[in-house]
């Protein structure tokens, strides 16, 4: 059965990301390595800035400014009243 392990290949050396495979053999082990497109790793690193921009856009959005959040929550929370908040 084939097992999959995540790693980054840098200067012909593998850096294991999640789980390190246990290889108990003094003999060479056959492996298959699939190289992912380079921009996939780069996209993950830039997601922080994209997320920050999206959150700023949401924060500047005034769509729900006229909604009473406490009243809205009480109307939608039907299971029990919250203590000291009535």
PDB file of N, CA and C in Angstrom:
ATOM      1  N   UNK A   1       0.834  -1.172   0.000  1.00  0.00           N
ATOM      2  CA  UNK A   1       0.000   0.000   0.000  1.00  0.00           C
ATOM      3  C   UNK A   1       0.884   1.243   0.000  1.00  0.00           C
ATOM      4  N   UNK A   2       0.535   2.211  -0.841  1.00  0.00           N
ATOM      5  CA  UNK A   2       1.312   3.436  -0.920  1.00  0.00           C
ATOM      6  C   UNK A   2       0.927   4.387   0.197  1.00  0.00           C
ATOM      7  N   UNK A   3       1.901   5.021   0.789  1.00  0.00           N
ATOM      8  CA  UNK A   3       1.660   6.020   1.826  1.00  0.00           C
ATOM      9  C   UNK A   3       2.115   7.370   1.289  1.00  0.00           C
ATOM     10  N   UNK A   4       1.413   8.420   1.678  1.00  0.00           N
ATOM     11  CA  UNK A   4       1.733   9.761   1.218  1.00  0.00           C
ATOM     12  C   UNK A   4       2.222  10.598   2.391  1.00  0.00           C
ATOM     13  N   UNK A   5       3.316  11.303   2.188  1.00  0.00           N
ATOM     14  CA  UNK A   5       3.883  12.180   3.207  1.00  0.00           C
ATOM     15  C   UNK A   5       4.134  13.540   2.579  1.00  0.00           C
ATOM     16  N   UNK A   6       3.848  14.610   3.313  1.00  0.00           N
ATOM     17  CA  UNK A   6       4.075  15.959   2.805  1.00  0.00           C
ATOM     18  C   UNK A   6       5.498  16.393   3.136  1.00  0.00           C
ATOM     19  N   UNK A   7       6.139  17.011   2.147  1.00  0.00           N
ATOM     20  CA  UNK A   7       7.507  17.484   2.342  1.00  0.00           C
ATOM     21  C   UNK A   7       7.771  18.626   1.381  1.00  0.00           C
ATOM     22  N   UNK A   8       8.825  19.363   1.664  1.00  0.00           N
ATOM     23  CA  UNK A   8       9.309  20.406   0.767  1.00  0.00           C
ATOM     24  C   UNK A   8      10.703  19.980   0.314  1.00  0.00           C
ATOM     25  N   UNK A   9      10.923  20.038  -0.977  1.00  0.00           N
ATOM     26  CA  UNK A   9      12.225  19.699  -1.549  1.00  0.00           C
ATOM     27  C   UNK A   9      13.012  20.981  -1.720  1.00  0.00           C
ATOM     28  N   UNK A  10      14.146  21.076  -1.029  1.00  0.00           N
ATOM     29  CA  UNK A  10      14.985  22.270  -1.119  1.00  0.00           C
ATOM     30  C   UNK A  10      16.435  21.816  -1.213  1.00  0.00           C
ATOM     31  N   UNK A  11      17.106  22.232  -2.277  1.00  0.00           N
ATOM     32  CA  UNK A  11      18.507  21.853  -2.520  1.00  0.00           C
ATOM     33  C   UNK A  11      18.703  20.334  -2.466  1.00  0.00           C
ATOM     34  N   UNK A  12      17.809  19.609  -3.120  1.00  0.00           N
ATOM     35  CA  UNK A  12      17.850  18.144  -3.188  1.00  0.00           C
ATOM     36  C   UNK A  12      17.753  17.472  -1.823  1.00  0.00           C
ATOM     37  N   UNK A  13      17.148  18.158  -0.855  1.00  0.00           N
ATOM     38  CA  UNK A  13      16.913  17.589   0.470  1.00  0.00           C
ATOM     39  C   UNK A  13      15.441  17.734   0.799  1.00  0.00           C
ATOM     40  N   UNK A  14      14.841  16.673   1.330  1.00  0.00           N
ATOM     41  CA  UNK A  14      13.435  16.716   1.713  1.00  0.00           C
ATOM     42  C   UNK A  14      13.299  17.184   3.158  1.00  0.00           C
ATOM     43  N   UNK A  15      12.402  18.156   3.362  1.00  0.00           N
ATOM     44  CA  UNK A  15      12.058  18.604   4.707  1.00  0.00           C
ATOM     45  C   UNK A  15      10.628  18.146   4.963  1.00  0.00           C
ATOM     46  N   UNK A  16      10.447  17.214   5.898  1.00  0.00           N
ATOM     47  CA  UNK A  16       9.130  16.652   6.171  1.00  0.00           C
ATOM     48  C   UNK A  16       8.286  17.687   6.889  1.00  0.00           C
ATOM     49  N   UNK A  17       7.021  17.802   6.489  1.00  0.00           N
ATOM     50  CA  UNK A  17       6.144  18.816   7.062  1.00  0.00           C
ATOM     51  C   UNK A  17       5.278  18.281   8.189  1.00  0.00           C
ATOM     52  N   UNK A  18       4.597  17.181   7.982  1.00  0.00           N
ATOM     53  CA  UNK A  18       3.670  16.665   8.987  1.00  0.00           C
ATOM     54  C   UNK A  18       4.267  15.458   9.697  1.00  0.00           C
ATOM     55  N   UNK A  19       4.216  14.359   9.031  1.00  0.00           N
ATOM     56  CA  UNK A  19       4.654  13.090   9.604  1.00  0.00           C
ATOM     57  C   UNK A  19       5.933  12.649   8.909  1.00  0.00           C
ATOM     58  N   UNK A  20       6.898  12.197   9.677  1.00  0.00           N
ATOM     59  CA  UNK A  20       8.138  11.681   9.111  1.00  0.00           C
ATOM     60  C   UNK A  20       8.005  10.174   8.948  1.00  0.00           C
ATOM     61  N   UNK A  21       8.274   9.669   7.743  1.00  0.00           N
ATOM     62  CA  UNK A  21       8.139   8.224   7.549  1.00  0.00           C
ATOM     63  C   UNK A  21       9.197   7.445   8.329  1.00  0.00           C
ATOM     64  N   UNK A  22       8.774   6.325   8.885  1.00  0.00           N
ATOM     65  CA  UNK A  22       9.708   5.451   9.590  1.00  0.00           C
ATOM     66  C   UNK A  22      10.228   4.413   8.604  1.00  0.00           C
ATOM     67  N   UNK A  23      11.503   4.479   8.332  1.00  0.00           N
ATOM     68  CA  UNK A  23      12.125   3.546   7.395  1.00  0.00           C
ATOM     69  C   UNK A  23      13.183   2.765   8.167  1.00  0.00           C
ATOM     70  N   UNK A  24      12.892   1.510   8.418  1.00  0.00           N
ATOM     71  CA  UNK A  24      13.804   0.644   9.165  1.00  0.00           C
ATOM     72  C   UNK A  24      14.513  -0.294   8.209  1.00  0.00           C
ATOM     73  N   UNK A  25      15.315   0.274   7.354  1.00  0.00           N
ATOM     74  CA  UNK A  25      15.997  -0.548   6.365  1.00  0.00           C
ATOM     75  C   UNK A  25      17.359   0.060   6.058  1.00  0.00           C
ATOM     76  N   UNK A  26      18.347  -0.794   5.942  1.00  0.00           N
ATOM     77  CA  UNK A  26      19.670  -0.321   5.560  1.00  0.00           C
ATOM     78  C   UNK A  26      19.825  -0.331   4.043  1.00  0.00           C
ATOM     79  N   UNK A  27      18.801  -0.848   3.358  1.00  0.00           N
ATOM     80  CA  UNK A  27      18.825  -0.917   1.912  1.00  0.00           C
ATOM     81  C   UNK A  27      18.099   0.288   1.337  1.00  0.00           C
ATOM     82  N   UNK A  28      18.412   0.645   0.109  1.00  0.00           N
ATOM     83  CA  UNK A  28      17.690   1.754  -0.528  1.00  0.00           C
ATOM     84  C   UNK A  28      16.194   1.464  -0.625  1.00  0.00           C
ATOM     85  N   UNK A  29      15.395   2.495  -0.544  1.00  0.00           N
ATOM     86  CA  UNK A  29      13.947   2.371  -0.596  1.00  0.00           C
ATOM     87  C   UNK A  29      13.448   3.112  -1.828  1.00  0.00           C
ATOM     88  N   UNK A  30      12.599   2.446  -2.608  1.00  0.00           N
ATOM     89  CA  UNK A  30      12.023   3.094  -3.789  1.00  0.00           C
ATOM     90  C   UNK A  30      10.955   4.092  -3.362  1.00  0.00           C
ATOM     91  N   UNK A  31      10.977   5.268  -3.980  1.00  0.00           N
ATOM     92  CA  UNK A  31       9.972   6.297  -3.700  1.00  0.00           C
ATOM     93  C   UNK A  31       9.509   6.901  -5.012  1.00  0.00           C
ATOM     94  N   UNK A  32       8.299   7.444  -5.008  1.00  0.00           N
ATOM     95  CA  UNK A  32       7.769   8.242  -6.107  1.00  0.00           C
ATOM     96  C   UNK A  32       7.553   9.644  -5.555  1.00  0.00           C
ATOM     97  N   UNK A  33       8.087  10.636  -6.221  1.00  0.00           N
ATOM     98  CA  UNK A  33       7.930  12.009  -5.774  1.00  0.00           C
ATOM     99  C   UNK A  33       7.178  12.780  -6.848  1.00  0.00           C
ATOM    100  N   UNK A  34       6.089  13.436  -6.440  1.00  0.00           N
ATOM    101  CA  UNK A  34       5.313  14.257  -7.354  1.00  0.00           C
ATOM    102  C   UNK A  34       5.605  15.714  -7.037  1.00  0.00           C
ATOM    103  N   UNK A  35       6.143  16.431  -8.004  1.00  0.00           N
ATOM    104  CA  UNK A  35       6.444  17.841  -7.803  1.00  0.00           C
ATOM    105  C   UNK A  35       5.201  18.660  -8.118  1.00  0.00           C
ATOM    106  N   UNK A  36       4.751  19.445  -7.143  1.00  0.00           N
ATOM    107  CA  UNK A  36       3.604  20.310  -7.325  1.00  0.00           C
ATOM    108  C   UNK A  36       4.059  21.602  -7.997  1.00  0.00           C
ATOM    109  N   UNK A  37       3.109  22.288  -8.605  1.00  0.00           N
ATOM    110  CA  UNK A  37       3.464  23.555  -9.229  1.00  0.00           C
ATOM    111  C   UNK A  37       4.020  24.496  -8.169  1.00  0.00           C
ATOM    112  N   UNK A  38       5.033  25.234  -8.537  1.00  0.00           N
ATOM    113  CA  UNK A  38       5.740  26.073  -7.578  1.00  0.00           C
ATOM    114  C   UNK A  38       4.849  27.147  -6.966  1.00  0.00           C
ATOM    115  N   UNK A  39       3.895  27.673  -7.728  1.00  0.00           N
ATOM    116  CA  UNK A  39       3.064  28.754  -7.216  1.00  0.00           C
ATOM    117  C   UNK A  39       2.062  28.289  -6.167  1.00  0.00           C
ATOM    118  N   UNK A  40       1.842  26.994  -6.012  1.00  0.00           N
ATOM    119  CA  UNK A  40       0.917  26.501  -4.991  1.00  0.00           C
ATOM    120  C   UNK A  40       1.463  26.826  -3.598  1.00  0.00           C
ATOM    121  N   UNK A  41       2.752  26.591  -3.379  1.00  0.00           N
ATOM    122  CA  UNK A  41       3.357  26.902  -2.085  1.00  0.00           C
ATOM    123  C   UNK A  41       3.382  28.415  -1.887  1.00  0.00           C
ATOM    124  N   UNK A  42       3.679  29.161  -2.936  1.00  0.00           N
ATOM    125  CA  UNK A  42       3.709  30.610  -2.833  1.00  0.00           C
ATOM    126  C   UNK A  42       2.357  31.209  -2.539  1.00  0.00           C
ATOM    127  N   UNK A  43       1.287  30.639  -3.075  1.00  0.00           N
ATOM    128  CA  UNK A  43      -0.062  31.143  -2.824  1.00  0.00           C
ATOM    129  C   UNK A  43      -0.422  31.009  -1.358  1.00  0.00           C
ATOM    130  N   UNK A  44      -0.026  29.933  -0.721  1.00  0.00           N
ATOM    131  CA  UNK A  44      -0.340  29.741   0.687  1.00  0.00           C
ATOM    132  C   UNK A  44       0.308  30.810   1.552  1.00  0.00           C
ATOM    133  N   UNK A  45       1.484  31.245   1.171  1.00  0.00           N
ATOM    134  CA  UNK A  45       2.178  32.254   1.955  1.00  0.00           C
ATOM    135  C   UNK A  45       1.546  33.627   1.785  1.00  0.00           C
ATOM    136  N   UNK A  46       0.961  33.904   0.617  1.00  0.00           N
ATOM    137  CA  UNK A  46       0.391  35.223   0.376  1.00  0.00           C
ATOM    138  C   UNK A  46      -1.060  35.331   0.834  1.00  0.00           C
ATOM    139  N   UNK A  47      -1.645  34.247   1.303  1.00  0.00           N
ATOM    140  CA  UNK A  47      -3.040  34.291   1.724  1.00  0.00           C
ATOM    141  C   UNK A  47      -3.253  35.204   2.922  1.00  0.00           C
ATOM    142  N   UNK A  48      -2.255  35.425   3.729  1.00  0.00           N
ATOM    143  CA  UNK A  48      -2.389  36.299   4.889  1.00  0.00           C
ATOM    144  C   UNK A  48      -2.734  37.719   4.476  1.00  0.00           C
ATOM    145  N   UNK A  49      -2.060  38.229   3.468  1.00  0.00           N
ATOM    146  CA  UNK A  49      -2.343  39.586   3.002  1.00  0.00           C
ATOM    147  C   UNK A  49      -3.714  39.656   2.349  1.00  0.00           C
ATOM    148  N   UNK A  50      -4.086  38.629   1.598  1.00  0.00           N
ATOM    149  CA  UNK A  50      -5.418  38.598   1.001  1.00  0.00           C
ATOM    150  C   UNK A  50      -6.490  38.583   2.076  1.00  0.00           C
ATOM    151  N   UNK A  51      -6.263  37.811   3.134  1.00  0.00           N
ATOM    152  CA  UNK A  51      -7.221  37.743   4.226  1.00  0.00           C
ATOM    153  C   UNK A  51      -7.317  39.086   4.936  1.00  0.00           C
ATOM    154  N   UNK A  52      -6.199  39.739   5.176  1.00  0.00           N
ATOM    155  CA  UNK A  52      -6.218  41.047   5.836  1.00  0.00           C
ATOM    156  C   UNK A  52      -6.996  42.057   4.998  1.00  0.00           C
ATOM    157  N   UNK A  53      -6.806  42.041   3.691  1.00  0.00           N
ATOM    158  CA  UNK A  53      -7.539  42.957   2.812  1.00  0.00           C
ATOM    159  C   UNK A  53      -9.035  42.664   2.841  1.00  0.00           C
ATOM    160  N   UNK A  54      -9.399  41.387   2.845  1.00  0.00           N
ATOM    161  CA  UNK A  54     -10.811  41.016   2.888  1.00  0.00           C
ATOM    162  C   UNK A  54     -11.452  41.452   4.202  1.00  0.00           C
ATOM    163  N   UNK A  55     -10.741  41.284   5.320  1.00  0.00           N
ATOM    164  CA  UNK A  55     -11.279  41.682   6.618  1.00  0.00           C
ATOM    165  C   UNK A  55     -11.435  43.200   6.720  1.00  0.00           C
ATOM    166  N   UNK A  56     -10.490  43.946   6.141  1.00  0.00           N
ATOM    167  CA  UNK A  56     -10.617  45.410   6.123  1.00  0.00           C
ATOM    168  C   UNK A  56     -11.835  45.834   5.316  1.00  0.00           C
ATOM    169  N   UNK A  57     -12.061  45.155   4.202  1.00  0.00           N
ATOM    170  CA  UNK A  57     -13.220  45.464   3.367  1.00  0.00           C
ATOM    171  C   UNK A  57     -14.521  45.187   4.118  1.00  0.00           C
ATOM    172  N   UNK A  58     -14.570  44.068   4.840  1.00  0.00           N
ATOM    173  CA  UNK A  58     -15.754  43.726   5.622  1.00  0.00           C
ATOM    174  C   UNK A  58     -15.948  44.740   6.750  1.00  0.00           C
ATOM    175  N   UNK A  59     -14.862  45.138   7.411  1.00  0.00           N
ATOM    176  CA  UNK A  59     -14.960  46.092   8.516  1.00  0.00           C
ATOM    177  C   UNK A  59     -15.482  47.443   8.040  1.00  0.00           C
ATOM    178  N   UNK A  60     -15.139  47.833   6.824  1.00  0.00           N
ATOM    179  CA  UNK A  60     -15.587  49.116   6.282  1.00  0.00           C
ATOM    180  C   UNK A  60     -16.998  49.047   5.702  1.00  0.00           C
ATOM    181  N   UNK A  61     -17.554  47.846   5.597  1.00  0.00           N
ATOM    182  CA  UNK A  61     -18.884  47.659   5.048  1.00  0.00           C
ATOM    183  C   UNK A  61     -19.922  48.099   6.081  1.00  0.00           C
ATOM    184  N   UNK A  62     -20.869  48.914   5.683  1.00  0.00           N
ATOM    185  CA  UNK A  62     -21.872  49.436   6.617  1.00  0.00           C
ATOM    186  C   UNK A  62     -23.253  48.809   6.399  1.00  0.00           C
ATOM    187  N   UNK A  63     -23.309  47.634   5.845  1.00  0.00           N
ATOM    188  CA  UNK A  63     -24.587  46.993   5.529  1.00  0.00           C
ATOM    189  C   UNK A  63     -25.418  46.716   6.769  1.00  0.00           C
ATOM    190  N   UNK A  64     -24.800  46.266   7.852  1.00  0.00           N
ATOM    191  CA  UNK A  64     -25.536  45.850   9.037  1.00  0.00           C
ATOM    192  C   UNK A  64     -25.440  46.847  10.185  1.00  0.00           C
ATOM    193  N   UNK A  65     -25.157  48.095   9.921  1.00  0.00           N
ATOM    194  CA  UNK A  65     -25.026  49.067  11.003  1.00  0.00           C
ATOM    195  C   UNK A  65     -26.356  49.377  11.668  1.00  0.00           C
ATOM    196  N   UNK A  66     -27.460  49.200  10.976  1.00  0.00           N
ATOM    197  CA  UNK A  66     -28.766  49.503  11.559  1.00  0.00           C
ATOM    198  C   UNK A  66     -29.377  48.312  12.295  1.00  0.00           C
ATOM    199  N   UNK A  67     -28.658  47.188  12.384  1.00  0.00           N
ATOM    200  CA  UNK A  67     -29.166  45.989  13.057  1.00  0.00           C
ATOM    201  C   UNK A  67     -28.751  46.038  14.527  1.00  0.00           C
ATOM    202  N   UNK A  68     -29.724  45.841  15.413  1.00  0.00           N
ATOM    203  CA  UNK A  68     -29.438  45.725  16.846  1.00  0.00           C
ATOM    204  C   UNK A  68     -28.945  44.303  17.094  1.00  0.00           C
ATOM    205  N   UNK A  69     -27.652  44.134  17.279  1.00  0.00           N
ATOM    206  CA  UNK A  69     -27.056  42.792  17.352  1.00  0.00           C
ATOM    207  C   UNK A  69     -27.566  42.000  18.549  1.00  0.00           C
ATOM    208  N   UNK A  70     -27.797  42.681  19.681  1.00  0.00           N
ATOM    209  CA  UNK A  70     -28.295  41.968  20.864  1.00  0.00           C
ATOM    210  C   UNK A  70     -29.699  41.435  20.616  1.00  0.00           C
ATOM    211  N   UNK A  71     -30.545  42.254  20.036  1.00  0.00           N
ATOM    212  CA  UNK A  71     -31.913  41.823  19.738  1.00  0.00           C
ATOM    213  C   UNK A  71     -31.900  40.710  18.691  1.00  0.00           C
ATOM    214  N   UNK A  72     -31.056  40.843  17.685  1.00  0.00           N
ATOM    215  CA  UNK A  72     -30.964  39.822  16.636  1.00  0.00           C
ATOM    216  C   UNK A  72     -30.548  38.484  17.237  1.00  0.00           C
ATOM    217  N   UNK A  73     -29.535  38.514  18.133  1.00  0.00           N
ATOM    218  CA  UNK A  73     -29.066  37.270  18.740  1.00  0.00           C
ATOM    219  C   UNK A  73     -30.157  36.645  19.603  1.00  0.00           C
ATOM    220  N   UNK A  74     -30.891  37.447  20.377  1.00  0.00           N
ATOM    221  CA  UNK A  74     -31.944  36.908  21.227  1.00  0.00           C
ATOM    222  C   UNK A  74     -33.065  36.287  20.393  1.00  0.00           C
ATOM    223  N   UNK A  75     -33.371  36.892  19.252  1.00  0.00           N
ATOM    224  CA  UNK A  75     -34.413  36.338  18.392  1.00  0.00           C
ATOM    225  C   UNK A  75     -33.974  35.024  17.760  1.00  0.00           C
ATOM    226  N   UNK A  76     -32.709  34.887  17.459  1.00  0.00           N
ATOM    227  CA  UNK A  76     -32.204  33.687  16.786  1.00  0.00           C
ATOM    228  C   UNK A  76     -31.755  32.601  17.753  1.00  0.00           C
ATOM    229  N   UNK A  77     -31.506  32.964  18.992  1.00  0.00           N
ATOM    230  CA  UNK A  77     -31.056  31.983  19.975  1.00  0.00           C
ATOM    231  C   UNK A  77     -32.270  31.529  20.773  1.00  0.00           C
ATOM    232  N   UNK A  78     -32.870  30.453  20.348  1.00  0.00           N
ATOM    233  CA  UNK A  78     -34.135  29.995  20.930  1.00  0.00           C
ATOM    234  C   UNK A  78     -33.949  28.982  22.051  1.00  0.00           C
ATOM    235  N   UNK A  79     -32.741  28.479  22.267  1.00  0.00           N
ATOM    236  CA  UNK A  79     -32.583  27.388  23.223  1.00  0.00           C
ATOM    237  C   UNK A  79     -32.665  27.850  24.669  1.00  0.00           C
ATOM    238  N   UNK A  80     -32.110  29.019  25.022  1.00  0.00           N
ATOM    239  CA  UNK A  80     -32.193  29.498  26.410  1.00  0.00           C
ATOM    240  C   UNK A  80     -31.828  30.980  26.431  1.00  0.00           C
ATOM    241  N   UNK A  81     -32.241  31.660  27.468  1.00  0.00           N
ATOM    242  CA  UNK A  81     -31.849  33.056  27.618  1.00  0.00           C
ATOM    243  C   UNK A  81     -30.464  33.109  28.252  1.00  0.00           C
ATOM    244  N   UNK A  82     -29.766  34.160  27.974  1.00  0.00           N
ATOM    245  CA  UNK A  82     -28.426  34.289  28.518  1.00  0.00           C
ATOM    246  C   UNK A  82     -28.491  34.937  29.906  1.00  0.00           C
ATOM    247  N   UNK A  83     -27.758  34.411  30.881  1.00  0.00           N
ATOM    248  CA  UNK A  83     -27.820  34.963  32.240  1.00  0.00           C
ATOM    249  C   UNK A  83     -27.282  36.394  32.286  1.00  0.00           C
ATOM    250  N   UNK A  84     -27.964  37.249  33.048  1.00  0.00           N
ATOM    251  CA  UNK A  84     -27.569  38.641  33.283  1.00  0.00           C
ATOM    252  C   UNK A  84     -27.583  39.487  32.016  1.00  0.00           C
ATOM    253  N   UNK A  85     -28.309  39.072  30.979  1.00  0.00           N
ATOM    254  CA  UNK A  85     -28.323  39.825  29.719  1.00  0.00           C
ATOM    255  C   UNK A  85     -29.754  40.135  29.251  1.00  0.00           C
ATOM    256  N   UNK A  86     -30.730  40.035  30.100  1.00  0.00           N
ATOM    257  CA  UNK A  86     -32.102  40.312  29.685  1.00  0.00           C
ATOM    258  C   UNK A  86     -32.430  41.769  29.856  1.00  0.00           C
TER     259      UNK A  86
END
